[in-house]
Structures are given as C-alpha cells and as structure tokens.
Protein backbone atom coordinates (compact mmCIF):
# COMPACT_ATOMS: atom_id res chain seq x y z
CA MET A 1 0.20 0.30 -0.17
CA SER A 2 1.29 3.49 -0.96
CA LEU A 3 1.87 6.06 2.10
CA ARG A 4 -1.02 8.17 -0.01
CA SER A 5 -3.21 5.43 0.33
CA PHE A 6 -2.44 4.58 4.17
CA VAL A 7 -2.99 8.12 5.52
CA LEU A 8 -6.23 8.31 3.13
CA LEU A 9 -7.58 5.22 4.82
CA SER A 10 -6.56 6.32 8.17
CA LEU A 11 -8.46 9.47 7.51
CA LEU A 12 -11.61 7.96 6.61
CA ALA A 13 -11.46 5.17 9.11
CA ALA A 14 -11.22 8.10 11.97
CA LEU A 15 -14.40 10.54 10.07
CA SER A 16 -16.34 7.34 10.14
CA ALA A 17 -16.06 5.96 13.72
CA ALA A 18 -16.24 9.41 15.06
CA ARG A 19 -19.30 10.68 16.87
CA VAL A 20 -20.60 13.08 14.79
CA ALA A 21 -22.81 16.40 15.51
CA ALA A 22 -25.61 18.16 13.56
CA GLN A 23 -25.78 22.13 12.52
CA LEU A 24 -29.56 22.55 11.78
CA THR A 25 -31.62 25.51 10.82
CA TRP A 26 -35.05 24.45 11.51
CA SER A 27 -38.30 25.54 9.26
CA THR A 28 -41.67 25.66 10.42
CA GLU A 29 -45.45 25.07 8.90
CA THR A 30 -48.60 25.33 10.16
CA VAL A 31 -50.76 21.79 9.10
CA VAL A 32 -54.05 22.40 10.30
CA THR A 33 -55.46 25.19 12.35
CA GLY A 34 -57.71 24.89 15.89
CA ILE A 35 -57.23 21.27 16.91
CA GLY A 36 -56.69 22.30 20.48
CA PHE A 37 -54.14 22.68 22.78
CA SER A 38 -53.95 19.73 24.82
CA GLY A 39 -52.07 16.71 26.02
CA ASP A 40 -54.81 14.64 24.62
CA ARG A 41 -53.94 15.99 21.40
CA ARG A 42 -51.21 13.46 20.45
CA ALA A 43 -49.66 13.04 16.89
CA ALA A 44 -47.79 10.46 15.44
CA LEU A 45 -45.07 11.83 12.59
CA ALA A 46 -43.65 9.76 9.12
CA LEU A 47 -41.11 10.92 6.85
CA GLY A 48 -41.50 9.65 3.14
CA ALA A 49 -39.24 10.34 0.08
CA GLY A 50 -38.74 13.83 -1.45
CA GLY A 51 -39.86 15.86 1.40
CA THR A 52 -43.11 14.22 1.82
CA ALA A 53 -44.37 13.67 5.15
CA GLY A 54 -47.27 12.17 7.25
CA ILE A 55 -49.03 12.88 10.53
CA ALA A 56 -52.09 10.85 11.92
CA TYR A 57 -53.70 12.73 14.89
CA PHE A 58 -56.27 13.05 17.02
CA THR A 59 -58.85 15.64 17.86
CA GLY A 60 -60.50 16.14 21.11
CA ASP A 61 -63.76 14.63 19.53
CA GLY A 62 -62.03 11.47 19.21
CA MET A 63 -61.97 11.67 15.58
CA VAL A 64 -58.50 9.96 14.22
CA ASN A 65 -57.33 12.12 11.31
CA TYR A 66 -54.76 12.06 8.80
CA ALA A 67 -52.21 14.85 6.99
CA GLY A 68 -50.18 14.44 4.38
CA ARG A 69 -47.45 16.91 2.85
CA SER A 70 -46.67 16.64 -0.66
CA ALA A 71 -43.37 16.95 -2.35
CA GLY A 72 -43.66 20.68 -2.91
CA GLY A 73 -44.71 21.36 0.66
CA ALA A 74 -48.48 21.46 0.26
CA TRP A 75 -50.34 19.75 3.21
CA THR A 76 -53.85 18.27 2.66
CA ASN A 77 -56.20 16.79 5.30
CA ASP A 78 -58.60 13.77 5.63
CA ALA A 79 -60.64 14.23 8.75
CA ALA A 80 -62.83 11.77 10.89
CA ILE A 81 -61.16 8.90 9.03
CA ASP A 82 -62.65 6.72 12.14
CA ASP A 83 -65.31 8.26 15.21
CA ARG A 84 -63.88 5.35 17.12
CA GLY A 85 -60.88 6.70 17.90
CA ASN A 86 -59.12 7.82 21.22
CA PHE A 87 -58.96 10.83 23.41
CA ASN A 88 -57.11 9.43 26.21
CA TYR A 89 -53.15 8.79 26.69
CA ALA A 90 -52.13 6.04 24.89
CA GLY A 91 -51.74 5.28 21.31
CA ILE A 92 -51.76 6.60 17.66
CA SER A 93 -48.66 5.51 15.02
CA VAL A 94 -47.96 6.03 11.61
CA ARG A 95 -46.16 4.96 8.70
CA LEU A 96 -45.87 5.22 5.14
CA THR A 97 -45.77 2.89 2.44
CA ALA A 98 -43.02 3.05 -0.60
CA ALA A 99 -46.10 4.44 -2.42
CA GLY A 100 -46.57 7.02 0.13
CA ASP A 101 -49.60 5.73 1.44
CA PRO A 102 -50.48 6.23 5.09
CA ARG A 103 -51.46 3.04 7.74
CA ILE A 104 -52.28 3.71 10.81
CA GLY A 105 -52.55 2.11 13.77
CA TYR A 106 -54.38 3.44 16.86
CA PHE A 107 -56.11 2.21 20.07
CA SER A 108 -60.03 3.07 19.85
CA VAL A 109 -61.45 4.06 23.13
CA ASN A 110 -65.19 3.25 22.00
CA GLY A 111 -64.55 -0.45 22.66
CA LEU A 112 -61.02 -0.71 23.71
CA ASP A 113 -59.89 -2.26 20.83
CA ALA A 114 -56.86 -2.09 18.69
CA ARG A 115 -57.64 -0.58 15.08
CA TYR A 116 -56.11 -0.42 11.95
CA ALA A 117 -56.66 2.29 9.17
CA SER A 118 -55.43 2.01 5.55
CA ARG A 119 -55.70 4.60 2.34
CA THR A 120 -55.38 3.69 -1.04
CA GLY A 121 -55.16 6.13 -3.65
CA SER A 122 -57.90 8.48 -2.12
CA THR A 123 -60.26 5.68 -0.61
CA TRP A 124 -59.74 4.97 3.19
CA SER A 125 -60.76 1.47 5.13
CA THR A 126 -60.81 0.67 8.69
CA GLU A 127 -60.60 -2.39 10.40
CA ASN A 128 -60.37 -4.13 13.90
CA ILE A 129 -56.75 -5.73 14.69
CA ALA A 130 -57.53 -7.17 18.15
CA THR A 131 -61.26 -6.81 20.71
CA THR A 132 -60.50 -8.95 23.16
CA GLY A 133 -60.78 -7.37 26.32
CA ASN A 134 -58.84 -3.99 26.83
CA VAL A 135 -56.26 -4.06 24.07
CA GLY A 136 -54.07 -1.53 22.07
CA GLU A 137 -53.05 1.05 24.33
CA TYR A 138 -49.24 1.98 23.66
CA ILE A 139 -49.57 1.09 19.80
CA HIS A 140 -46.83 1.39 17.67
CA LEU A 141 -46.81 -0.19 13.88
CA GLY A 142 -44.18 -1.29 11.51
CA LEU A 143 -44.31 -2.09 7.79
CA ALA A 144 -42.09 -4.93 6.43
CA SER A 145 -40.73 -4.49 2.79
CA ASP A 146 -43.23 -6.21 1.15
CA GLY A 147 -45.59 -3.20 2.71
CA THR A 148 -47.60 -5.56 4.97
CA ALA A 149 -48.08 -4.42 8.98
CA ARG A 150 -46.91 -5.47 12.10
CA VAL A 151 -48.13 -3.72 15.69
CA ALA A 152 -46.88 -4.35 18.98
CA TYR A 153 -49.40 -3.17 21.68
CA GLY A 154 -50.37 -3.24 25.36
CA GLY A 155 -53.40 -5.98 26.70
CA ASN A 156 -55.03 -6.82 29.65
CA SER A 157 -53.12 -6.57 32.75
CA ASN A 158 -49.98 -5.01 31.19
CA SER A 159 -49.41 -7.94 28.47
CA LEU A 160 -47.32 -7.16 25.67
CA ASN A 161 -48.72 -8.32 22.18
CA PHE A 162 -47.82 -8.47 18.80
CA ALA A 163 -49.93 -9.00 15.48
CA SER A 164 -49.09 -9.47 12.01
CA ARG A 165 -51.13 -8.88 9.07
CA ALA A 166 -48.54 -10.63 6.61
CA SER A 167 -51.10 -13.05 5.33
CA GLY A 168 -53.81 -10.42 4.67
CA ALA A 169 -55.52 -11.12 8.01
CA TRP A 170 -54.36 -10.42 11.40
CA VAL A 171 -52.60 -12.93 13.38
CA ALA A 172 -51.94 -11.87 17.16
CA GLU A 173 -49.85 -13.27 20.23
CA ASN A 174 -48.78 -12.51 23.36
CA ILE A 175 -44.81 -11.83 23.95
CA THR A 176 -44.84 -11.51 27.49
CA SER A 177 -47.31 -11.22 30.69
CA ASN A 178 -45.55 -8.42 32.01
CA GLY A 179 -44.51 -5.26 30.02
CA ILE A 180 -45.75 -1.82 28.71
CA PRO A 181 -45.21 0.39 26.57
CA ALA A 182 -44.70 -1.13 23.51
CA PHE A 183 -42.56 0.27 21.24
CA LEU A 184 -42.15 -1.99 17.92
CA ARG A 185 -39.22 -1.75 15.32
CA LEU A 186 -38.15 -3.75 12.25
CA ASN A 187 -34.73 -4.11 10.86
CA GLY A 188 -33.79 -4.62 7.13
CA SER A 189 -34.36 -8.32 7.59
CA ASN A 190 -38.23 -7.82 9.07
CA VAL A 191 -37.04 -9.27 12.12
CA PRO A 192 -39.44 -7.37 15.04
CA PHE A 193 -38.07 -5.63 17.96
CA VAL A 194 -39.98 -4.38 20.91
CA ALA A 195 -38.86 -2.24 23.83
CA MET A 196 -40.70 -2.54 26.92
CA VAL A 197 -40.44 -1.52 30.51
CA ASP A 198 -40.41 -4.95 32.70
CA SER A 199 -42.65 -2.99 35.29
CA GLN A 200 -44.40 -6.05 37.18
CA ASN A 201 -40.77 -8.08 37.69
CA THR A 202 -37.38 -6.46 37.60
CA GLY A 203 -38.37 -2.88 36.41
CA ASP A 204 -35.44 -3.11 33.78
CA LEU A 205 -35.85 -1.81 30.28
CA ARG A 206 -35.69 -4.94 28.09
CA ILE A 207 -35.88 -5.28 24.43
CA PHE A 208 -37.50 -8.50 23.12
CA SER A 209 -36.87 -9.88 19.23
CA ASN A 210 -38.16 -12.87 17.35
CA PRO A 211 -35.42 -13.23 14.50
CA THR A 212 -36.18 -17.28 13.88
CA GLY A 213 -40.43 -16.38 13.44
CA SER A 214 -41.20 -18.84 16.18
CA SER A 215 -40.20 -17.65 19.66
CA TRP A 216 -39.61 -14.54 20.98
CA VAL A 217 -36.16 -13.74 23.21
CA SER A 218 -35.44 -10.92 25.70
CA ALA A 219 -32.49 -8.66 26.48
CA THR A 220 -31.65 -6.23 29.34
CA ALA A 221 -31.31 -2.52 28.02
CA VAL A 222 -30.67 -0.54 31.38
CA ALA A 223 -31.38 -2.34 34.52
CA GLY A 224 -33.00 -0.82 37.52
CA PHE A 225 -35.31 1.59 35.33
CA GLY A 226 -36.31 4.37 37.63
CA GLY A 227 -38.59 6.66 35.04
CA ASN A 228 -42.02 6.76 33.81
CA SER A 229 -42.51 4.20 31.46
CA THR A 230 -44.63 5.99 28.78
CA THR A 231 -41.91 8.35 27.95
CA LEU A 232 -39.94 5.54 26.79
CA SER A 233 -38.80 5.61 22.65
CA PHE A 234 -36.58 3.18 20.91
CA ARG A 235 -35.24 3.10 17.59
CA LEU A 236 -32.53 0.66 15.46
CA ASN A 237 -29.71 1.33 13.83
CA GLY A 238 -29.41 -1.85 11.97
CA THR A 239 -29.58 -4.36 14.50
CA ASP A 240 -28.12 -1.94 17.52
CA ALA A 241 -30.77 -0.28 19.33
CA ALA A 242 -31.46 3.54 20.74
CA LEU A 243 -33.72 4.09 23.70
CA SER A 244 -34.69 7.54 25.13
CA TRP A 245 -36.56 8.37 28.64
CA VAL A 246 -37.49 10.31 31.54
CA ASP A 247 -36.50 9.55 34.56
CA ASN A 248 -37.43 11.86 37.48
CA GLY A 249 -37.54 14.89 35.47
CA ALA A 250 -34.09 14.01 33.61
CA LEU A 251 -33.75 12.75 29.90
CA LYS A 252 -31.82 9.80 29.58
CA PHE A 253 -30.42 8.05 26.45
CA ALA A 254 -28.37 4.62 25.89
CA ARG A 255 -27.59 2.73 22.95
CA SER A 256 -25.84 -0.88 22.02
CA THR A 257 -22.93 -1.23 19.72
CA GLY A 258 -22.50 -4.83 18.64
CA GLY A 259 -25.07 -6.10 20.99
CA VAL A 260 -23.16 -4.47 24.18
CA TRP A 261 -25.14 -1.22 25.99
CA GLY A 262 -22.82 1.66 27.19
CA ALA A 263 -23.96 3.82 30.40
CA PRO A 264 -26.94 5.96 29.92
CA GLU A 265 -26.05 9.61 29.33
CA THR A 266 -27.85 12.59 30.72
CA VAL A 267 -29.18 14.82 28.06
CA VAL A 268 -31.23 17.36 30.33
CA ALA A 269 -30.29 17.07 34.05
CA SER A 270 -34.14 18.34 35.36
CA GLY A 271 -37.07 20.15 33.85
CA VAL A 272 -38.41 17.66 31.83
CA SER A 273 -41.61 16.45 31.78
CA ASN A 274 -43.15 12.88 32.10
CA ASN A 275 -45.67 13.37 29.33
CA ALA A 276 -43.88 12.46 26.53
CA SER A 277 -40.41 11.99 24.72
CA SER A 278 -39.37 10.66 21.26
CA LEU A 279 -36.22 9.73 19.57
CA ALA A 280 -34.84 9.61 15.94
CA LEU A 281 -31.66 8.57 14.64
CA ASP A 282 -29.75 9.66 11.88
CA GLY A 283 -28.25 7.77 9.24
CA SER A 284 -24.92 8.09 11.31
CA GLY A 285 -26.78 6.73 14.31
CA ASN A 286 -26.85 9.70 16.49
CA GLY A 287 -29.49 10.37 18.60
CA TYR A 288 -32.18 13.32 18.51
CA ILE A 289 -34.64 13.43 21.35
CA ALA A 290 -37.92 15.49 21.21
CA TYR A 291 -39.40 16.37 24.67
CA GLU A 292 -41.45 18.50 26.76
CA THR A 293 -40.57 21.04 29.77
CA GLY A 294 -42.48 21.01 32.67
CA ALA A 295 -43.49 24.44 31.80
CA GLY A 296 -44.75 23.46 28.67
CA THR A 297 -42.47 23.99 26.04
CA VAL A 298 -40.85 21.87 23.38
CA HIS A 299 -37.98 21.01 22.37
CA VAL A 300 -35.25 19.06 20.31
CA ALA A 301 -32.06 18.22 21.56
CA ARG A 302 -29.00 16.67 19.86
CA TYR A 303 -25.14 16.32 20.25
CA ASN A 304 -23.20 19.11 19.20
CA GLY A 305 -19.80 17.31 18.89
CA SER A 306 -18.74 18.05 23.05
CA ALA A 307 -21.85 18.03 24.85
CA TRP A 308 -26.13 17.90 24.51
CA VAL A 309 -27.90 20.91 23.34
CA SER A 310 -31.46 21.70 22.78
CA ASP A 311 -33.10 23.98 20.07
CA SER A 312 -36.52 25.42 21.27
CA PHE A 313 -40.09 25.47 19.57
CA GLY A 314 -41.65 27.57 22.07
CA SER A 315 -45.10 26.67 23.87
CA GLY A 316 -46.44 23.27 22.82
CA VAL A 317 -47.12 19.84 23.76
CA LEU A 318 -45.88 16.61 21.88
CA GLY A 319 -49.04 14.35 23.57
CA PHE A 320 -48.83 12.03 26.10
CA GLY A 321 -46.88 8.95 25.88
CA GLN A 322 -46.89 8.88 22.33
CA GLY A 323 -42.84 8.77 21.21
CA GLU A 324 -43.61 8.74 17.47
CA THR A 325 -43.17 12.39 16.92
CA LEU A 326 -39.97 12.49 15.64
CA ASP A 327 -38.61 10.86 12.70
CA PHE A 328 -35.33 11.31 9.87
CA LEU A 329 -35.24 10.27 6.48
CA ASN A 330 -32.73 10.67 3.37
CA GLY A 331 -30.98 14.05 5.46
CA THR A 332 -34.06 15.28 6.82
CA LEU A 333 -35.18 15.54 10.42
CA GLY A 334 -38.90 16.18 11.17
CA LEU A 335 -40.79 17.26 13.97
CA ALA A 336 -44.59 17.18 14.91
CA TYR A 337 -46.40 19.03 17.60
CA VAL A 338 -49.15 21.08 19.03
CA THR A 339 -48.22 24.45 19.64
CA GLY A 340 -49.83 26.77 22.25
CA GLY A 341 -52.07 28.42 20.29
CA GLY A 342 -53.79 25.14 19.74
CA ASP A 343 -52.40 24.47 15.94
CA LEU A 344 -51.24 21.21 14.57
CA ALA A 345 -46.97 22.36 13.32
CA TYR A 346 -44.46 20.36 11.28
CA ALA A 347 -40.70 21.56 11.80
CA PHE A 348 -38.03 20.19 9.88
CA ALA A 349 -34.30 20.32 9.22
CA SER A 350 -31.82 19.22 6.44
CA VAL A 351 -29.13 17.57 8.86
CA SER A 352 -25.32 17.87 7.84
CA ALA A 353 -23.14 15.69 9.81
CA ILE A 354 -19.85 17.40 10.81
CA PRO A 355 -16.86 15.70 12.98
CA GLU A 356 -16.59 16.18 16.62
CA PRO A 357 -13.80 18.38 17.57
CA SER A 358 -12.08 15.39 18.73
CA THR A 359 -12.06 13.94 15.38
CA TYR A 360 -10.59 17.31 13.95
CA ALA A 361 -7.72 16.32 16.17
CA LEU A 362 -7.22 13.09 15.61
CA CYS A 363 -7.24 14.24 11.51
CA ALA A 364 -4.76 16.93 12.09
CA GLY A 365 -2.60 14.19 13.69
CA LEU A 366 -2.72 11.76 11.01
CA GLY A 367 -2.33 14.52 8.42
CA ALA A 368 1.00 15.98 10.39
CA LEU A 369 2.33 11.86 10.46
CA GLY A 370 1.68 11.64 7.09
CA LEU A 371 3.50 14.71 6.04
CA ALA A 372 6.56 13.77 8.58
CA LEU A 373 6.62 10.45 6.68
CA TRP A 374 6.54 12.03 2.87
CA ARG A 375 9.25 14.23 3.70
CA ARG A 376 11.27 11.27 5.33
CA THR A 377 10.78 9.26 2.24
CA ARG A 378 11.47 12.38 -0.38
CA ARG A 379 14.53 12.74 1.76
CA ILE A 380 15.77 8.64 1.54
CA ALA A 381 14.58 8.49 -2.07
CA SER A 382 16.70 12.07 -3.55
CA PRO A 383 19.89 12.89 -3.53
CA GLU A 384 21.19 15.43 -1.04
CA ALA A 385 21.84 19.29 -2.31
CA GLY A 386 25.06 19.98 -3.29
CA THR A 387 26.37 16.73 -4.17
CA GLY A 388 26.08 16.88 -8.30
CA SER A 389 25.06 13.38 -8.40
CA GLY A 390 21.85 12.33 -10.26
CA PRO A 391 19.61 9.57 -9.75
CA PRO A 392 20.65 5.84 -10.64
CA THR A 393 20.49 4.51 -13.88
CA GLY A 394 20.31 1.20 -15.50
CA SER A 395 17.30 -1.29 -16.28
CA GLY A 396 16.43 -1.46 -12.28
CA GLN A 397 14.99 2.27 -12.52
CA ASN A 398 11.40 2.61 -11.58
CA LYS A 399 9.62 4.53 -14.05
C-alpha cells in the first residue's frame, strides 16, 4: 500500500468511527389550525421520500385524522377517518408505504380495541386488529419490506402483544405477560424488535426480538429503570438499538454497539415533563430527542460534538406517551407537535454531519504524521542537495 493510500484510509477510518454533530436550521409549517391545545392532541409522524410526510392525530372529539405533505410542501387533511378513536393518552402510530400511502394503528376508546386504518389512493378503510379485552394501548406500527403491517401493543393486565397482517388477516400473539409500553421496530430483514418496561418484575428496560419467527427472546438494555414508563422511545440502527426515556425529570439516552449497551447518558438534567419524549436516529446513528419541559415548551436535543444541546420551539405539547413525533429520513429531521395556540405544526431541518472536535484533532495528527513520513521518504529517495550526483540509471530504475 502506498503512503498516500495509508494516510487516506486512516483519515476515512477516523471520520467514519467518530461520533458526529449536526448543524440545524429549522423551518416550521402550520398543518391544521385549531385542533386544540392539550396533551390529548397526540400526533404521530412519518417521513416519506422527496420531502413528503404524514401525520396521524386525534382531535378532542376522538376522531382519527390524517394530514399529508406533498413533495412541494402543500398539506392536505383527511378528517374523521374513524370516530371510534381515542382521546386519552395511549396510542396512535403511522407509517408510509413505498408508494406514499398512509397506514395507521390506533387505540379505540369506543370498544377498547386495537384498530388499523389504511388509505390506497384516496380511499380509506378501517378494521379491527384485536378486540378481546382492553387491547391496543401504546400501539406502535411497523411496515415490512413488502408493505404488510406489524403492530405491538398493550393488553389486559399490562400484557405485551404482537400482531401481523402478513397473511392478509391479523394474527396476534402474546410476547410476555408483563410489559408496557410497546415500541416496535423492524430491522432490514423484517425481524421485529419490541422495547418495553418490565414493570411487574425487575423494572428493567428490555427488548424482545423474534429472529426465527417462532419464539421471542429478550435482553436487558437498562437495569433498574426508575423513570416514567410512558416516556420510553426506541429506535434501531441496523441491529443496534437506542433508547430515550425520562427519569424523574431527567432526559436519558442509551445505545448498544455490537449488542453491548453503554452507560446511560444524561441529556437534560432536570425540568423535563413525564408526558412524552420521542427519539430519532440519523443516518450515522446519532440521536435526536424531542421532549417537553414542565413549563409546556417543546424542544429537540442533539449532540453538538462535545455536549447535548437543545433547540426550542416555544409553547407546545408532544402528546402524552406517544414517542412517535420525531422522525428522520434521507437527511431530513422532522417534528410534529401542537403549538400553544392549538395548531398542529410540522418543523423540519436538513441534517449535515460534521466531525466532533476530537476527530479534527485526530485528523490533524494523522495529517502531520503523513506529512512527516512523506518528507522522510523524499529524503531517502532523493540525493542530498549540492552533491552533483543524479538518480541511478539502468534497467532496474522504476519509471
């Protein structure tokens, strides 16, 4: 390997291994006016290709609604998709298919059922996922690579459940008897991962997965969890997981690398509301966390290369216990929230990764090392100045 290649590869390795920060400039759009200012006005966000986005939300009358953003930035609103909605604290989730069609999982307070709504073109259809007992709280939706739906949700006596629509009809199963909320993510191989709080046993934050499709296995992510369970939020970066949660007014973050969990980090030390938080990961696996303060303001925390800092969006609510209001796709970070004036809003920013300061120092050190090695090589390969001798000649000369 040439010296130039060695130095270049060293620099690239340093950059790729570094934890990065992001410089964010936010733009904000009003999606729907006058939906009311309350923690009951929960909104779930999913980003789509080309700047598109979808927001599923409840209004105070319990109606399920959906707002969609075109690639050109225009919002349209589909109201009253289902009047068997929910206006307490527990559950709405949205995803977009590859074609941009929305899919919504939600908890119906009228019947205490887990429900599913889908739109193809301009036509909505709604159906039950599960109806036996009190089921559907903390519902979270995922779409497999073929567009078929999966959901995780809470059931009777805090049971944790999973349902799949892969066969065209919903098939449900129990994961464990103790564990809410349910935060579902699918990895690139469509393997489901579900984060929960083992509130009835150890109190740990645990993650269940089903890699074989036949049985669920679990791992402890954070032992001795002491926070409010409804604030848990969960993302996957490949097969590595990351969690955010609120612990007695402190916002916390933890991630796994190669299946090994690092120590929890304190993102915000105090003053965070137990109502809601939402985690997104960018393309490099860096965490962004939306949260509320006790004063009723909305923020997004991000790591700036040396510390966690927060961007403020003013008075507003994320909605109680949702964990779905922040999303990242193709360089865009998006946030859905309700303003202090009662309007549904969407804020977005382009995320451009930059190396943290320690990486600059490492790069400078490697550059200096490379320059020194290059100069040393030049001295060895070239004659001393003033000797009058030239380079060697003959058939063995490198050309």
